[in-house]
N, C-alpha and C. Protein backbone atom coordinates (compact mmCIF):
# COMPACT_ATOMS: atom_id res chain seq x y z
N MET A 1 -25.76 79.91 -23.95
CA MET A 1 -25.24 78.90 -23.06
C MET A 1 -26.38 78.84 -21.89
N ARG A 2 -26.84 77.70 -21.62
CA ARG A 2 -27.77 77.51 -20.63
C ARG A 2 -26.95 77.01 -19.45
N VAL A 3 -26.93 77.86 -18.32
CA VAL A 3 -26.22 77.50 -17.03
C VAL A 3 -27.11 77.63 -15.79
N MET A 4 -26.92 76.69 -15.02
CA MET A 4 -27.86 76.63 -13.80
C MET A 4 -27.38 77.90 -12.85
N PRO A 5 -28.21 78.39 -12.08
CA PRO A 5 -28.02 79.47 -11.12
C PRO A 5 -26.86 79.02 -10.18
N PRO A 6 -26.20 79.85 -9.56
CA PRO A 6 -25.17 79.61 -8.61
C PRO A 6 -25.61 78.71 -7.52
N ASN A 7 -26.62 78.98 -7.08
CA ASN A 7 -27.23 78.17 -5.86
C ASN A 7 -27.54 76.76 -6.31
N ALA A 8 -28.18 76.58 -7.38
CA ALA A 8 -28.37 75.34 -7.87
C ALA A 8 -27.18 74.41 -8.21
N ALA A 9 -26.06 75.01 -8.68
CA ALA A 9 -24.97 74.29 -8.91
C ALA A 9 -24.36 73.85 -7.66
N ARG A 10 -24.39 74.78 -6.53
CA ARG A 10 -23.76 74.50 -5.37
C ARG A 10 -24.49 73.17 -4.70
N ALA A 11 -25.93 73.27 -4.88
CA ALA A 11 -26.64 72.30 -4.30
C ALA A 11 -26.47 70.83 -4.87
N THR A 12 -26.08 70.83 -6.10
CA THR A 12 -25.85 69.56 -6.84
C THR A 12 -24.50 68.98 -6.52
N LEU A 13 -23.52 69.91 -6.26
CA LEU A 13 -22.13 69.34 -5.89
C LEU A 13 -22.12 68.81 -4.43
N VAL A 14 -22.93 69.13 -3.65
CA VAL A 14 -22.77 68.58 -2.19
C VAL A 14 -23.60 67.29 -2.11
N SER A 15 -22.99 66.17 -1.91
CA SER A 15 -23.68 64.88 -1.90
C SER A 15 -24.03 64.55 -0.42
N ASN A 16 -24.69 63.51 -0.36
CA ASN A 16 -25.26 63.04 1.03
C ASN A 16 -23.91 62.42 1.74
N GLY A 17 -22.73 62.19 1.11
CA GLY A 17 -21.60 61.81 1.75
C GLY A 17 -20.72 62.82 2.40
N SER A 18 -21.38 64.05 2.25
CA SER A 18 -20.60 65.28 2.76
C SER A 18 -20.27 65.12 4.23
N THR A 19 -19.04 65.68 4.63
CA THR A 19 -18.56 65.54 5.95
C THR A 19 -19.28 66.69 6.85
N GLY A 20 -20.00 67.55 6.26
CA GLY A 20 -20.79 68.62 6.97
C GLY A 20 -19.86 69.83 7.13
N ARG A 21 -18.68 69.72 6.65
CA ARG A 21 -17.83 70.91 6.69
C ARG A 21 -17.76 71.82 5.51
N GLY A 22 -18.81 71.49 4.57
CA GLY A 22 -18.90 72.32 3.30
C GLY A 22 -18.07 71.75 2.25
N ARG A 23 -17.45 70.51 2.53
CA ARG A 23 -16.60 69.91 1.48
C ARG A 23 -17.59 69.17 0.41
N ALA A 24 -17.33 69.50 -0.82
CA ALA A 24 -18.00 68.90 -1.85
C ALA A 24 -17.45 67.60 -2.33
N MET A 25 -18.31 66.69 -2.61
CA MET A 25 -17.85 65.34 -3.17
C MET A 25 -17.90 65.49 -4.63
N PRO A 26 -16.84 64.79 -5.29
CA PRO A 26 -16.85 64.73 -6.78
C PRO A 26 -18.06 64.15 -7.43
N MET A 27 -18.50 64.85 -8.39
CA MET A 27 -19.76 64.36 -9.03
C MET A 27 -19.33 64.39 -10.50
N ARG A 28 -20.21 63.48 -11.32
CA ARG A 28 -19.92 63.30 -12.82
C ARG A 28 -20.93 64.29 -13.43
N TYR A 29 -20.41 64.97 -14.41
CA TYR A 29 -21.17 65.92 -15.18
C TYR A 29 -21.01 65.57 -16.76
N GLU A 30 -22.15 66.03 -17.50
CA GLU A 30 -22.03 65.93 -19.07
C GLU A 30 -22.28 67.27 -19.51
N PHE A 31 -21.56 67.69 -20.33
CA PHE A 31 -21.74 69.00 -21.05
C PHE A 31 -21.98 68.74 -22.61
N ARG A 32 -23.04 69.23 -23.11
CA ARG A 32 -23.42 69.14 -24.48
C ARG A 32 -23.02 70.41 -25.26
N VAL A 33 -22.15 70.38 -26.19
CA VAL A 33 -21.64 71.57 -26.90
C VAL A 33 -22.02 71.51 -28.35
N THR A 34 -22.38 72.62 -28.75
CA THR A 34 -22.74 72.77 -30.31
C THR A 34 -21.50 72.53 -31.03
N GLY A 35 -21.74 71.71 -32.14
CA GLY A 35 -20.58 71.55 -33.17
C GLY A 35 -19.69 70.34 -32.76
N ARG A 36 -18.71 69.91 -33.74
CA ARG A 36 -17.96 68.77 -33.45
C ARG A 36 -16.50 69.35 -33.20
N LEU A 37 -16.09 69.07 -31.89
CA LEU A 37 -14.95 69.70 -31.49
C LEU A 37 -13.71 69.09 -32.22
N SER A 38 -12.64 69.92 -32.57
CA SER A 38 -11.44 69.20 -33.19
C SER A 38 -10.71 68.81 -31.91
N ALA A 39 -9.73 67.99 -32.26
CA ALA A 39 -8.79 67.44 -31.19
C ALA A 39 -8.01 68.46 -30.38
N ALA A 40 -7.77 69.55 -31.19
CA ALA A 40 -6.94 70.59 -30.47
C ALA A 40 -7.98 71.29 -29.40
N VAL A 41 -9.11 71.63 -29.80
CA VAL A 41 -10.10 72.25 -28.90
C VAL A 41 -10.44 71.28 -27.83
N ALA A 42 -10.75 70.05 -28.09
CA ALA A 42 -11.12 69.04 -27.07
C ALA A 42 -9.81 68.92 -26.06
N GLY A 43 -8.71 69.18 -26.51
CA GLY A 43 -7.30 69.05 -25.66
C GLY A 43 -7.40 70.10 -24.47
N ALA A 44 -8.28 71.08 -24.61
CA ALA A 44 -8.45 72.08 -23.59
C ALA A 44 -9.12 71.59 -22.48
N PHE A 45 -9.72 70.24 -22.48
CA PHE A 45 -10.50 69.77 -21.39
C PHE A 45 -9.75 68.42 -21.22
N PRO A 46 -8.56 68.26 -20.80
CA PRO A 46 -8.03 66.89 -20.60
C PRO A 46 -8.67 65.98 -19.62
N GLU A 47 -9.32 66.56 -18.65
CA GLU A 47 -10.03 65.87 -17.58
C GLU A 47 -11.35 65.25 -17.93
N LEU A 48 -11.90 65.73 -19.23
CA LEU A 48 -13.07 65.15 -19.65
C LEU A 48 -12.95 64.24 -20.90
N ASP A 49 -13.88 63.21 -20.94
CA ASP A 49 -13.98 62.28 -22.04
C ASP A 49 -14.73 62.98 -23.08
N LYS A 50 -14.65 62.54 -24.37
CA LYS A 50 -15.27 63.32 -25.39
C LYS A 50 -16.03 62.07 -26.33
N VAL A 51 -17.19 62.50 -26.67
CA VAL A 51 -18.04 61.63 -27.69
C VAL A 51 -18.58 62.49 -28.68
N LEU A 52 -18.30 62.24 -29.99
CA LEU A 52 -18.87 62.98 -31.03
C LEU A 52 -20.26 62.40 -31.30
N ALA A 53 -21.24 63.41 -31.55
CA ALA A 53 -22.59 63.16 -31.86
C ALA A 53 -22.90 63.96 -33.18
N PRO A 54 -23.97 63.67 -33.86
CA PRO A 54 -24.34 64.53 -35.12
C PRO A 54 -24.52 66.04 -34.58
N GLU A 55 -23.65 66.90 -35.13
CA GLU A 55 -23.69 68.30 -34.84
C GLU A 55 -23.43 68.72 -33.47
N GLN A 56 -23.03 67.85 -32.59
CA GLN A 56 -22.73 68.13 -31.17
C GLN A 56 -21.56 67.30 -30.72
N THR A 57 -21.06 67.82 -29.58
CA THR A 57 -19.97 66.98 -28.88
C THR A 57 -20.42 66.85 -27.47
N LEU A 58 -20.36 65.73 -26.81
CA LEU A 58 -20.58 65.48 -25.34
C LEU A 58 -19.32 65.26 -24.74
N LEU A 59 -19.22 66.07 -23.72
CA LEU A 59 -17.88 65.99 -22.87
C LEU A 59 -18.34 65.56 -21.57
N PHE A 60 -17.72 64.75 -20.86
CA PHE A 60 -18.31 64.18 -19.58
C PHE A 60 -17.03 63.63 -18.67
N GLY A 61 -17.26 63.88 -17.42
CA GLY A 61 -16.21 63.45 -16.40
C GLY A 61 -16.42 63.87 -15.16
N GLN A 62 -15.53 63.64 -14.25
CA GLN A 62 -15.69 64.09 -12.74
C GLN A 62 -15.39 65.55 -12.75
N VAL A 63 -16.31 66.18 -11.92
CA VAL A 63 -16.09 67.60 -11.43
C VAL A 63 -15.76 67.52 -9.98
N THR A 64 -14.59 68.07 -9.64
CA THR A 64 -14.18 67.81 -8.11
C THR A 64 -14.88 68.75 -7.15
N ASP A 65 -15.22 69.90 -7.64
CA ASP A 65 -15.84 70.93 -6.68
C ASP A 65 -16.43 72.08 -7.59
N GLU A 66 -17.07 73.02 -6.84
CA GLU A 66 -17.70 74.16 -7.40
C GLU A 66 -16.75 75.05 -8.34
N ALA A 67 -15.66 75.21 -7.76
CA ALA A 67 -14.55 75.96 -8.46
C ALA A 67 -14.16 75.28 -9.70
N HIS A 68 -14.08 73.85 -9.73
CA HIS A 68 -13.82 73.20 -11.11
C HIS A 68 -14.89 73.41 -12.01
N LEU A 69 -16.17 73.24 -11.58
CA LEU A 69 -17.17 73.46 -12.59
C LEU A 69 -17.20 74.84 -13.05
N TYR A 70 -17.05 75.87 -12.27
CA TYR A 70 -17.06 77.26 -12.89
C TYR A 70 -15.79 77.34 -13.88
N GLY A 71 -14.68 76.73 -13.48
CA GLY A 71 -13.55 76.84 -14.32
C GLY A 71 -13.75 76.37 -15.69
N LEU A 72 -14.50 75.05 -15.70
CA LEU A 72 -14.80 74.38 -16.98
C LEU A 72 -15.81 75.37 -17.79
N LEU A 73 -16.80 75.99 -17.30
CA LEU A 73 -17.65 76.83 -17.82
C LEU A 73 -16.86 78.06 -18.42
N LEU A 74 -15.91 78.57 -17.69
CA LEU A 74 -15.24 79.68 -18.28
C LEU A 74 -14.31 79.20 -19.41
N ARG A 75 -13.68 77.99 -19.28
CA ARG A 75 -13.01 77.44 -20.47
C ARG A 75 -13.89 77.40 -21.80
N PHE A 76 -15.05 76.94 -21.50
CA PHE A 76 -16.07 76.76 -22.66
C PHE A 76 -16.31 78.25 -23.31
N GLN A 77 -16.49 79.22 -22.40
CA GLN A 77 -16.87 80.48 -22.73
C GLN A 77 -15.63 81.26 -23.48
N ASP A 78 -14.40 81.00 -22.84
CA ASP A 78 -13.21 81.52 -23.39
C ASP A 78 -12.89 81.07 -24.79
N LEU A 79 -13.29 79.82 -25.06
CA LEU A 79 -13.06 79.24 -26.42
C LEU A 79 -14.24 79.46 -27.46
N GLY A 80 -15.29 80.24 -26.94
CA GLY A 80 -16.42 80.52 -27.86
C GLY A 80 -17.31 79.40 -28.00
N LEU A 81 -17.28 78.43 -27.30
CA LEU A 81 -18.23 77.23 -27.32
C LEU A 81 -19.51 77.42 -26.73
N GLN A 82 -20.54 76.84 -27.37
CA GLN A 82 -21.98 77.06 -26.94
C GLN A 82 -22.35 75.79 -26.20
N VAL A 83 -22.43 76.01 -24.93
CA VAL A 83 -22.89 74.77 -24.01
C VAL A 83 -24.50 74.89 -24.14
N VAL A 84 -25.09 73.92 -24.74
CA VAL A 84 -26.58 73.81 -24.92
C VAL A 84 -27.21 73.04 -23.82
N GLU A 85 -26.46 72.05 -23.06
CA GLU A 85 -26.91 71.38 -21.99
C GLU A 85 -25.90 71.06 -20.96
N MET A 86 -26.14 71.14 -19.77
CA MET A 86 -25.10 70.71 -18.69
C MET A 86 -26.01 69.87 -17.56
N ARG A 87 -25.55 68.74 -17.38
CA ARG A 87 -26.36 67.91 -16.33
C ARG A 87 -25.36 67.04 -15.61
N GLN A 88 -25.89 66.88 -14.33
CA GLN A 88 -25.10 65.93 -13.54
C GLN A 88 -25.64 64.56 -13.74
N LEU A 89 -24.50 63.66 -13.92
CA LEU A 89 -24.86 62.31 -14.26
C LEU A 89 -25.05 61.50 -12.90
N PRO A 90 -25.93 60.34 -13.13
CA PRO A 90 -26.12 59.57 -11.82
C PRO A 90 -24.72 58.86 -11.47
N GLU A 91 -24.64 58.60 -10.17
CA GLU A 91 -23.46 58.02 -9.48
C GLU A 91 -23.31 56.61 -10.06
N GLY A 92 -22.12 56.07 -10.20
CA GLY A 92 -22.15 54.53 -10.48
C GLY A 92 -21.67 54.35 -11.73
C-alpha cells in the first residue's frame, strides 16, 4: 500500500478556506484498490462511491478530516485490500 507520510496528508487536508484554528476543510479523495470489490466489501465504505475498472476498483468521495482519512486507510488494511494509489481530487 502506498500511503503519504503523515505530514503530507495533514498538509493536503488544510485548504485555503481554513479558519486558522486548525480546522480542516473536507476534501475529495480517490483510492485505487487492487481487484474488483464485491458489493459486500464495498459496503464497508458507505461514504465513498465506487467505479469498477479492469482489475481495480476506484473509490472516491469526501474526506472530512485527517481522522476520517486515517480511518479509511485502516478499513482498507483491516479488509486486506491493497491501496495502489491515493490522491486528492481537484475541488469542483
